[in-house]
C-alpha atoms as a PDB file:
ATOM      1  CA  MET A   1     -10.289 -32.887  -9.601  1.00  0.00           C
ATOM      2  CA  PRO A   2     -13.439 -34.910  -8.902  1.00  0.00           C
ATOM      3  CA  TYR A   3     -16.592 -33.124  -8.005  1.00  0.00           C
ATOM      4  CA  GLN A   4     -16.775 -32.487  -4.178  1.00  0.00           C
ATOM      5  CA  THR A   5     -18.662 -30.386  -1.676  1.00  0.00           C
ATOM      6  CA  ILE A   6     -17.022 -27.525   0.167  1.00  0.00           C
ATOM      7  CA  SER A   7     -17.572 -29.184   3.519  1.00  0.00           C
ATOM      8  CA  THR A   8     -15.144 -32.019   2.660  1.00  0.00           C
ATOM      9  CA  ILE A   9     -12.174 -29.761   2.150  1.00  0.00           C
ATOM     10  CA  LEU A  10     -13.172 -27.473   4.992  1.00  0.00           C
ATOM     11  CA  LEU A  11     -13.006 -30.512   7.315  1.00  0.00           C
ATOM     12  CA  LEU A  12      -9.297 -30.908   6.222  1.00  0.00           C
ATOM     13  CA  LEU A  13      -8.487 -27.218   6.605  1.00  0.00           C
ATOM     14  CA  LEU A  14     -10.581 -26.297   9.645  1.00  0.00           C
ATOM     15  CA  PRO A  15      -7.994 -27.007  12.318  1.00  0.00           C
ATOM     16  CA  THR A  16      -5.317 -25.028  10.431  1.00  0.00           C
ATOM     17  CA  SER A  17      -7.743 -22.158   9.732  1.00  0.00           C
ATOM     18  CA  LEU A  18      -8.715 -21.770  13.295  1.00  0.00           C
ATOM     19  CA  ALA A  19      -5.130 -21.820  14.439  1.00  0.00           C
ATOM     20  CA  HIS A  20      -4.370 -18.900  12.161  1.00  0.00           C
ATOM     21  CA  ILE A  21      -7.209 -16.526  13.116  1.00  0.00           C
ATOM     22  CA  SER A  22      -5.377 -13.385  13.975  1.00  0.00           C
ATOM     23  CA  VAL A  23      -5.831  -9.775  14.825  1.00  0.00           C
ATOM     24  CA  ARG A  24      -3.274  -7.184  13.653  1.00  0.00           C
ATOM     25  CA  ARG A  25      -2.786  -3.471  14.328  1.00  0.00           C
ATOM     26  CA  ALA A  26      -3.698  -1.014  11.666  1.00  0.00           C
ATOM     27  CA  LEU A  27      -3.724   2.729  11.517  1.00  0.00           C
ATOM     28  CA  ARG A  28      -7.155   4.385  11.063  1.00  0.00           C
ATOM     29  CA  PHE A  29      -7.484   7.787   9.469  1.00  0.00           C
ATOM     30  CA  PRO A  30     -10.854   9.475  10.342  1.00  0.00           C
ATOM     31  CA  GLU A  31     -13.427  10.327   7.617  1.00  0.00           C
ATOM     32  CA  SER A  32     -13.454  14.042   8.429  1.00  0.00           C
ATOM     33  CA  GLN A  33     -11.491  15.991   5.766  1.00  0.00           C
ATOM     34  CA  SER A  34      -8.926  17.680   7.988  1.00  0.00           C
ATOM     35  CA  VAL A  35      -5.356  18.858   7.677  1.00  0.00           C
ATOM     36  CA  GLU A  36      -4.671  17.612  11.246  1.00  0.00           C
ATOM     37  CA  ASN A  37      -4.879  13.844  10.676  1.00  0.00           C
ATOM     38  CA  TYR A  38      -1.663  12.301   9.515  1.00  0.00           C
ATOM     39  CA  VAL A  39       1.392  10.374  10.541  1.00  0.00           C
ATOM     40  CA  GLY A  40       4.979  11.706  10.092  1.00  0.00           C
ATOM     41  CA  LEU A  41       8.502  10.457  10.311  1.00  0.00           C
ATOM     42  CA  ALA A  42      11.909  11.521   8.969  1.00  0.00           C
ATOM     43  CA  PRO A  43      13.928   8.532   7.891  1.00  0.00           C
ATOM     44  CA  ASN A  44      17.428   8.399   6.424  1.00  0.00           C
ATOM     45  CA  MET A  45      16.785   7.808   2.796  1.00  0.00           C
ATOM     46  CA  THR A  46      20.445   7.482   1.675  1.00  0.00           C
ATOM     47  CA  ALA A  47      20.062   3.707   1.050  1.00  0.00           C
ATOM     48  CA  THR A  48      17.411   4.363  -1.558  1.00  0.00           C
ATOM     49  CA  ARG A  49      19.693   6.082  -4.010  1.00  0.00           C
ATOM     50  CA  SER A  50      19.819   2.932  -6.231  1.00  0.00           C
ATOM     51  CA  GLY A  51      16.141   2.302  -6.097  1.00  0.00           C
ATOM     52  CA  LEU A  52      13.260   1.608  -3.793  1.00  0.00           C
ATOM     53  CA  THR A  53       9.946  -0.180  -3.365  1.00  0.00           C
ATOM     54  CA  ILE A  54       6.889   0.876  -1.333  1.00  0.00           C
ATOM     55  CA  CYS A  55       4.262  -1.747  -0.568  1.00  0.00           C
ATOM     56  CA  GLY A  56       1.257  -1.561   1.657  1.00  0.00           C
ATOM     57  CA  TRP A  57      -2.397  -2.386   2.183  1.00  0.00           C
ATOM     58  CA  ILE A  58      -5.083   0.332   2.375  1.00  0.00           C
ATOM     59  CA  ARG A  59      -8.861   0.256   2.878  1.00  0.00           C
ATOM     60  CA  LYS A  60     -10.460   3.541   1.763  1.00  0.00           C
ATOM     61  CA  SER A  61     -13.564   4.538   3.657  1.00  0.00           C
ATOM     62  CA  ARG A  62     -14.547   7.807   1.915  1.00  0.00           C
ATOM     63  CA  GLU A  63     -14.447   9.365  -1.514  1.00  0.00           C
ATOM     64  CA  ASN A  64     -13.386  12.904  -1.771  1.00  0.00           C
ATOM     65  CA  HIS A  65     -12.631  15.459  -4.456  1.00  0.00           C
ATOM     66  CA  GLY A  66      -8.848  15.650  -4.214  1.00  0.00           C
ATOM     67  CA  SER A  67      -5.887  17.281  -5.863  1.00  0.00           C
ATOM     68  CA  TYR A  68      -5.841  17.811  -9.593  1.00  0.00           C
ATOM     69  CA  GLY A  69      -9.641  17.489  -9.729  1.00  0.00           C
ATOM     70  CA  SER A  70      -9.597  13.707  -9.051  1.00  0.00           C
ATOM     71  CA  LEU A  71     -12.319  11.944  -7.230  1.00  0.00           C
ATOM     72  CA  GLY A  72     -11.225  10.017  -4.214  1.00  0.00           C
ATOM     73  CA  ALA A  73      -7.629  11.219  -4.454  1.00  0.00           C
ATOM     74  CA  GLY A  74      -6.591  10.703  -0.838  1.00  0.00           C
ATOM     75  CA  ALA A  75      -2.859  10.973  -0.349  1.00  0.00           C
ATOM     76  CA  TRP A  76      -1.866   7.847   1.568  1.00  0.00           C
ATOM     77  CA  PHE A  77       1.903   8.170   1.006  1.00  0.00           C
ATOM     78  CA  ASN A  78       3.935  11.341   0.557  1.00  0.00           C
ATOM     79  CA  TYR A  79       7.696  11.916   0.746  1.00  0.00           C
ATOM     80  CA  GLY A  80       8.863  15.484   0.314  1.00  0.00           C
ATOM     81  CA  VAL A  81      10.778  18.410   1.573  1.00  0.00           C
ATOM     82  CA  VAL A  82       9.826  22.012   2.234  1.00  0.00           C
ATOM     83  CA  ARG A  83      11.158  24.066  -0.686  1.00  0.00           C
ATOM     84  CA  LYS A  84      10.423  27.311  -2.522  1.00  0.00           C
ATOM     85  CA  SER A  85       9.301  25.426  -5.643  1.00  0.00           C
ATOM     86  CA  MET A  86       5.862  23.966  -5.349  1.00  0.00           C
ATOM     87  CA  ALA A  87       6.568  21.487  -8.194  1.00  0.00           C
ATOM     88  CA  ASP A  88       9.698  20.211  -6.408  1.00  0.00           C
ATOM     89  CA  SER A  89       8.201  19.613  -2.956  1.00  0.00           C
ATOM     90  CA  SER A  90       6.796  16.097  -3.301  1.00  0.00           C
ATOM     91  CA  GLU A  91       9.409  13.622  -4.377  1.00  0.00           C
ATOM     92  CA  ILE A  92       6.914  10.817  -3.998  1.00  0.00           C
ATOM     93  CA  LEU A  93       3.142  11.260  -3.854  1.00  0.00           C
ATOM     94  CA  LEU A  94       0.701   8.375  -4.082  1.00  0.00           C
ATOM     95  CA  LEU A  95      -2.974   9.222  -4.442  1.00  0.00           C
ATOM     96  CA  ASP A  96      -5.979   6.912  -4.259  1.00  0.00           C
ATOM     97  CA  GLY A  97      -3.974   3.704  -4.132  1.00  0.00           C
ATOM     98  CA  MET A  98      -1.854   3.563  -7.204  1.00  0.00           C
ATOM     99  CA  ARG A  99      -4.275   5.528  -9.417  1.00  0.00           C
ATOM    100  CA  GLU A 100      -2.164   8.630  -9.432  1.00  0.00           C
ATOM    101  CA  VAL A 101       1.631   8.544  -8.928  1.00  0.00           C
ATOM    102  CA  TYR A 102       3.901  11.544  -8.822  1.00  0.00           C
ATOM    103  CA  MET A 103       7.686  11.568  -8.452  1.00  0.00           C
ATOM    104  CA  PHE A 104       9.966  14.492  -8.271  1.00  0.00           C
ATOM    105  CA  GLY A 105       7.198  16.945  -8.677  1.00  0.00           C
ATOM    106  CA  ALA A 106       6.281  17.070 -12.357  1.00  0.00           C
ATOM    107  CA  SER A 107       6.769  13.376 -13.160  1.00  0.00           C
ATOM    108  CA  GLY A 108       3.606  11.378 -12.742  1.00  0.00           C
ATOM    109  CA  GLY A 109       1.021   9.112 -14.170  1.00  0.00           C
ATOM    110  CA  ASN A 110      -2.331   7.601 -14.028  1.00  0.00           C
ATOM    111  CA  SER A 111      -2.971   3.823 -13.796  1.00  0.00           C
ATOM    112  CA  GLY A 112      -6.740   4.178 -14.268  1.00  0.00           C
ATOM    113  CA  VAL A 113      -7.266   1.802 -11.350  1.00  0.00           C
ATOM    114  CA  ARG A 114      -9.535   3.230  -8.664  1.00  0.00           C
ATOM    115  CA  THR A 115      -9.319   2.037  -5.056  1.00  0.00           C
ATOM    116  CA  PRO A 116     -12.738   0.524  -4.072  1.00  0.00           C
ATOM    117  CA  LEU A 117     -14.448   1.665  -0.925  1.00  0.00           C
ATOM    118  CA  ASN A 118     -14.177  -0.530   2.240  1.00  0.00           C
ATOM    119  CA  THR A 119     -12.092  -3.146   0.498  1.00  0.00           C
ATOM    120  CA  TRP A 120      -8.443  -4.025   1.270  1.00  0.00           C
ATOM    121  CA  GLN A 121      -6.182  -3.291  -1.655  1.00  0.00           C
ATOM    122  CA  HIS A 122      -2.469  -4.075  -1.984  1.00  0.00           C
ATOM    123  CA  ASN A 123      -0.385  -1.313  -3.665  1.00  0.00           C
ATOM    124  CA  CYS A 124       3.266  -1.303  -4.628  1.00  0.00           C
ATOM    125  CA  LEU A 125       5.422   1.352  -6.227  1.00  0.00           C
ATOM    126  CA  VAL A 126       8.822   0.254  -7.696  1.00  0.00           C
ATOM    127  CA  TRP A 127      11.384   2.883  -8.654  1.00  0.00           C
ATOM    128  CA  SER A 128      14.388   1.399 -10.387  1.00  0.00           C
ATOM    129  CA  GLY A 129      16.728   4.270  -9.511  1.00  0.00           C
ATOM    130  CA  PRO A 130      18.072   7.493 -11.119  1.00  0.00           C
ATOM    131  CA  GLN A 131      19.734   5.846 -14.112  1.00  0.00           C
ATOM    132  CA  ASN A 132      16.913   3.658 -15.384  1.00  0.00           C
ATOM    133  CA  LYS A 133      14.310   6.372 -14.568  1.00  0.00           C
ATOM    134  CA  SER A 134      11.457   3.811 -14.562  1.00  0.00           C
ATOM    135  CA  LEU A 135       8.448   3.517 -12.318  1.00  0.00           C
ATOM    136  CA  GLN A 136       6.141   0.506 -12.034  1.00  0.00           C
ATOM    137  CA  ALA A 137       2.803   0.425 -10.216  1.00  0.00           C
ATOM    138  CA  TYR A 138       1.300  -2.863  -8.911  1.00  0.00           C
ATOM    139  CA  VAL A 139      -2.259  -3.299  -7.648  1.00  0.00           C
ATOM    140  CA  ASP A 140      -3.137  -6.573  -5.879  1.00  0.00           C
ATOM    141  CA  GLY A 141      -0.012  -8.295  -7.182  1.00  0.00           C
ATOM    142  CA  ASP A 142      -0.531  -7.274 -10.836  1.00  0.00           C
ATOM    143  CA  LEU A 143       1.616  -4.810 -12.815  1.00  0.00           C
ATOM    144  CA  LYS A 144      -0.565  -2.098 -14.393  1.00  0.00           C
ATOM    145  CA  SER A 145       1.066  -1.787 -17.759  1.00  0.00           C
ATOM    146  CA  ASP A 146      -1.214   1.005 -18.950  1.00  0.00           C
ATOM    147  CA  LEU A 147       0.429   3.398 -16.403  1.00  0.00           C
ATOM    148  CA  LYS A 148       1.842   6.254 -18.399  1.00  0.00           C
ATOM    149  CA  TYR A 149       4.645   8.140 -16.683  1.00  0.00           C
ATOM    150  CA  TYR A 150       6.296  11.334 -17.749  1.00  0.00           C
ATOM    151  CA  THR A 151       9.981  10.867 -18.516  1.00  0.00           C
ATOM    152  CA  LEU A 152      12.360  11.902 -15.775  1.00  0.00           C
ATOM    153  CA  GLU A 153      14.537  14.300 -17.762  1.00  0.00           C
ATOM    154  CA  GLU A 154      17.512  14.208 -15.326  1.00  0.00           C
ATOM    155  CA  GLU A 155      19.042  11.731 -12.947  1.00  0.00           C
ATOM    156  CA  ARG A 156      17.427  12.529  -9.531  1.00  0.00           C
ATOM    157  CA  VAL A 157      17.886  10.935  -6.166  1.00  0.00           C
ATOM    158  CA  LEU A 158      15.658  11.311  -3.153  1.00  0.00           C
ATOM    159  CA  SER A 159      16.585  14.079  -0.740  1.00  0.00           C
ATOM    160  CA  GLU A 160      18.067  12.895   2.598  1.00  0.00           C
ATOM    161  CA  ASP A 161      16.335  15.677   4.607  1.00  0.00           C
ATOM    162  CA  GLY A 162      12.686  14.877   3.609  1.00  0.00           C
ATOM    163  CA  ALA A 163       9.858  13.480   5.673  1.00  0.00           C
ATOM    164  CA  ILE A 164       7.275  10.745   5.075  1.00  0.00           C
ATOM    165  CA  ILE A 165       3.683  11.841   5.609  1.00  0.00           C
ATOM    166  CA  LEU A 166       0.977   9.144   5.688  1.00  0.00           C
ATOM    167  CA  GLY A 167      -2.592  10.230   5.022  1.00  0.00           C
ATOM    168  CA  GLN A 168      -1.888  13.721   3.762  1.00  0.00           C
ATOM    169  CA  TYR A 169      -0.074  15.779   1.102  1.00  0.00           C
ATOM    170  CA  ARG A 170       2.335  18.381   2.374  1.00  0.00           C
ATOM    171  CA  GLN A 171       2.922  21.265   0.011  1.00  0.00           C
ATOM    172  CA  ALA A 172       6.181  23.115  -0.479  1.00  0.00           C
ATOM    173  CA  ASN A 173       5.234  25.652   2.129  1.00  0.00           C
ATOM    174  CA  GLY A 174       4.657  22.871   4.657  1.00  0.00           C
ATOM    175  CA  ARG A 175       0.885  23.162   4.715  1.00  0.00           C
ATOM    176  CA  MET A 176      -1.486  20.277   4.266  1.00  0.00           C
ATOM    177  CA  LYS A 177      -4.626  20.167   2.040  1.00  0.00           C
ATOM    178  CA  THR A 178      -8.052  19.138   3.259  1.00  0.00           C
ATOM    179  CA  THR A 179      -8.929  17.890  -0.331  1.00  0.00           C
ATOM    180  CA  THR A 180      -6.194  15.248  -0.234  1.00  0.00           C
ATOM    181  CA  ALA A 181      -6.863  13.836   3.306  1.00  0.00           C
ATOM    182  CA  PHE A 182      -6.848  10.099   3.252  1.00  0.00           C
ATOM    183  CA  ALA A 183      -9.764   8.358   5.096  1.00  0.00           C
ATOM    184  CA  GLY A 184      -9.631   4.721   5.968  1.00  0.00           C
ATOM    185  CA  ASP A 185      -7.198   2.011   7.259  1.00  0.00           C
ATOM    186  CA  MET A 186      -3.635   1.379   6.504  1.00  0.00           C
ATOM    187  CA  HIS A 187      -1.749  -1.845   7.334  1.00  0.00           C
ATOM    188  CA  ASP A 188       1.551  -3.607   6.723  1.00  0.00           C
ATOM    189  CA  LEU A 189       3.302  -0.763   4.946  1.00  0.00           C
ATOM    190  CA  ASN A 190       6.961  -1.539   4.211  1.00  0.00           C
ATOM    191  CA  LEU A 191       9.648   0.531   2.461  1.00  0.00           C
ATOM    192  CA  PHE A 192      12.424  -1.426   0.771  1.00  0.00           C
ATOM    193  CA  HIS A 193      15.828   0.075  -0.206  1.00  0.00           C
ATOM    194  CA  ARG A 194      15.845  -2.248  -3.206  1.00  0.00           C
ATOM    195  CA  VAL A 195      13.975  -2.943  -6.404  1.00  0.00           C
ATOM    196  CA  LEU A 196      11.496  -5.762  -5.983  1.00  0.00           C
ATOM    197  CA  SER A 197      10.764  -7.982  -8.957  1.00  0.00           C
ATOM    198  CA  ALA A 198       7.269  -8.798 -10.191  1.00  0.00           C
ATOM    199  CA  GLU A 199       7.592 -12.213  -8.495  1.00  0.00           C
ATOM    200  CA  ASP A 200       8.520 -10.525  -5.187  1.00  0.00           C
ATOM    201  CA  VAL A 201       5.503  -8.174  -5.346  1.00  0.00           C
ATOM    202  CA  LYS A 202       3.257 -11.160  -6.093  1.00  0.00           C
ATOM    203  CA  LYS A 203       4.580 -12.994  -3.039  1.00  0.00           C
ATOM    204  CA  MET A 204       3.846  -9.953  -0.925  1.00  0.00           C
ATOM    205  CA  TYR A 205       0.295  -9.828  -2.143  1.00  0.00           C
ATOM    206  CA  LYS A 206      -0.339 -13.556  -1.854  1.00  0.00           C
ATOM    207  CA  VAL A 207       0.488 -13.728   1.887  1.00  0.00           C
ATOM    208  CA  GLY A 208      -2.544 -11.477   2.381  1.00  0.00           C
ATOM    209  CA  VAL A 209      -3.328  -8.746   4.889  1.00  0.00           C
ATOM    210  CA  CYS A 210      -2.382 -11.087   7.705  1.00  0.00           C
ATOM    211  CA  GLY A 211       0.878 -12.152   6.150  1.00  0.00           C
ATOM    212  CA  LYS A 212       4.367 -11.068   6.881  1.00  0.00           C
ATOM    213  CA  VAL A 213       7.209 -10.011   4.658  1.00  0.00           C
ATOM    214  CA  PRO A 214       8.664 -13.159   3.063  1.00  0.00           C
ATOM    215  CA  SER A 215      11.953 -14.124   4.783  1.00  0.00           C
ATOM    216  CA  GLU A 216      14.025 -13.750   1.669  1.00  0.00           C
ATOM    217  CA  LEU A 217      12.903 -10.085   1.328  1.00  0.00           C
ATOM    218  CA  LYS A 218      13.470  -8.947   4.928  1.00  0.00           C
ATOM    219  CA  SER A 219      17.113  -7.927   4.356  1.00  0.00           C
ATOM    220  CA  GLY A 220      15.878  -5.245   1.953  1.00  0.00           C
ATOM    221  CA  VAL A 221      13.471  -3.540   4.415  1.00  0.00           C
ATOM    222  CA  LEU A 222      14.409  -0.023   5.257  1.00  0.00           C
ATOM    223  CA  LEU A 223      11.199   0.848   7.211  1.00  0.00           C
ATOM    224  CA  SER A 224       8.894  -1.900   8.474  1.00  0.00           C
ATOM    225  CA  TRP A 225       5.258  -1.584   9.573  1.00  0.00           C
ATOM    226  CA  SER A 226       6.382  -1.531  13.196  1.00  0.00           C
ATOM    227  CA  ASP A 227       8.390   1.661  12.359  1.00  0.00           C
ATOM    228  CA  PHE A 228       5.256   3.266  10.967  1.00  0.00           C
ATOM    229  CA  LEU A 229       3.174   2.201  13.908  1.00  0.00           C
ATOM    230  CA  GLY A 230       5.744   3.819  16.197  1.00  0.00           C
ATOM    231  CA  ALA A 231       5.912   7.065  14.272  1.00  0.00           C
ATOM    232  CA  GLU A 232       4.386  10.328  15.561  1.00  0.00           C
ATOM    233  CA  ARG A 233       0.649  10.568  15.004  1.00  0.00           C
ATOM    234  CA  PHE A 234      -1.311  13.823  14.639  1.00  0.00           C
ATOM    235  CA  GLY A 235      -4.966  14.646  15.031  1.00  0.00           C
ATOM    236  CA  ALA A 236      -7.306  11.736  15.415  1.00  0.00           C
ATOM    237  CA  VAL A 237      -5.176   9.024  13.709  1.00  0.00           C
ATOM    238  CA  HIS A 238      -5.201   6.001  15.991  1.00  0.00           C
ATOM    239  CA  GLU A 239      -4.491   2.284  16.035  1.00  0.00           C
ATOM    240  CA  VAL A 240      -7.297  -0.308  15.550  1.00  0.00           C
ATOM    241  CA  ASN A 241      -7.515  -4.050  15.651  1.00  0.00           C
ATOM    242  CA  VAL A 242      -8.050  -5.622  12.219  1.00  0.00           C
ATOM    243  CA  ASP A 243      -9.269  -9.228  11.891  1.00  0.00           C
ATOM    244  CA  CYS A 244      -7.355  -9.999   8.745  1.00  0.00           C
ATOM    245  CA  SER A 245      -7.922 -13.735   8.859  1.00  0.00           C
ATOM    246  CA  ARG A 246      -9.139 -15.508   5.793  1.00  0.00           C
ATOM    247  CA  TRP A 247     -11.401 -17.618   8.052  1.00  0.00           C
ATOM    248  CA  ASN A 248     -14.226 -15.111   7.648  1.00  0.00           C
ATOM    249  CA  THR A 249     -13.979 -15.506   3.872  1.00  0.00           C
ATOM    250  CA  LEU A 250     -13.947 -19.277   4.053  1.00  0.00           C
ATOM    251  CA  LYS A 251     -17.084 -19.299   6.157  1.00  0.00           C
ATOM    252  CA  SER A 252     -19.002 -17.632   3.315  1.00  0.00           C
ATOM    253  CA  PHE A 253     -18.349 -20.696   1.151  1.00  0.00           C
ATOM    254  CA  VAL A 254     -19.965 -23.199   3.523  1.00  0.00           C
ATOM    255  CA  GLY A 255     -22.703 -25.156   1.815  1.00  0.00           C
ATOM    256  CA  THR A 256     -21.641 -24.232  -1.745  1.00  0.00           C
ATOM    257  CA  THR A 257     -20.080 -26.495  -4.336  1.00  0.00           C
ATOM    258  CA  ILE A 258     -16.534 -26.198  -5.521  1.00  0.00           C
ATOM    259  CA  THR A 259     -15.684 -24.227  -8.608  1.00  0.00           C
ATOM    260  CA  GLU A 260     -12.246 -24.224 -10.239  1.00  0.00           C
ATOM    261  CA  GLU A 261     -11.655 -20.755  -8.799  1.00  0.00           C
ATOM    262  CA  LEU A 262     -12.490 -21.877  -5.287  1.00  0.00           C
ATOM    263  CA  ILE A 263     -10.244 -24.933  -5.627  1.00  0.00           C
ATOM    264  CA  GLU A 264      -7.370 -22.683  -6.509  1.00  0.00           C
ATOM    265  CA  TYR A 265      -8.210 -20.353  -3.633  1.00  0.00           C
ATOM    266  CA  LEU A 266      -8.157 -23.256  -1.132  1.00  0.00           C
ATOM    267  CA  LYS A 267      -4.785 -24.476  -2.491  1.00  0.00           C
ATOM    268  CA  VAL A 268      -3.279 -21.008  -1.947  1.00  0.00           C
ATOM    269  CA  PHE A 269      -4.892 -20.792   1.512  1.00  0.00           C
ATOM    270  CA  HIS A 270      -3.438 -24.153   2.538  1.00  0.00           C
ATOM    271  CA  ASP A 271      -0.021 -23.331   1.112  1.00  0.00           C
ATOM    272  CA  GLU A 272       0.174 -20.154   3.182  1.00  0.00           C
ATOM    273  CA  GLN A 273      -0.456 -21.888   6.573  1.00  0.00           C
END
């Protein structure tokens, strides 16, 4: 591509950009480490017996010493049941984005990818079902191949009588932990009753924080973001407006010259409109 200035391309994209400035609703979890701040709902998980995918955006606002001695291990997603066995209570537990993943209690792993402070990060967990016994963790559209999971020794399915807890880790006795309280914003969380491919996950990431679930994936949604927004909130968790438009990012490029990376960025931006 010939050498150009950023202003030339911005003149072409400006009308489209302004038309797509948008404000969306996110959930904000306060910075105080409290057992009282969380969101809870009890869905029917029968449809997930052959596999599931969890995808969502989080923006962490505070580091904290969390479970298992980890720094910043806020539990942003937890599905579990109240049982006598502590190891069996959390059937899905996601800590600090996708850095720590636990499934069916003892099965877990560490991706080595820490969630940055005050930055939106897209996270996806893909479970291929009880027969394949495989878990995949994606961060910002990329599969983290260095994620080491313990082998699931038996074919397990998710319990139908569990509850999803956002922003906290519920133990087997039903109690929460201050050390695993998530602080920050959460947006566009979707739970699919199907296994998304690497290409599907990449599509979810590329539409951005402002984007919507691609039309070809909507039939697989078990719980949408609107379901989570409508769930019962506890403590000081509340809705906030999030300006998730890319217009703010584009403004920072005004007056600079185009690099190959910026050219590709603008191509993606234009394709998404």
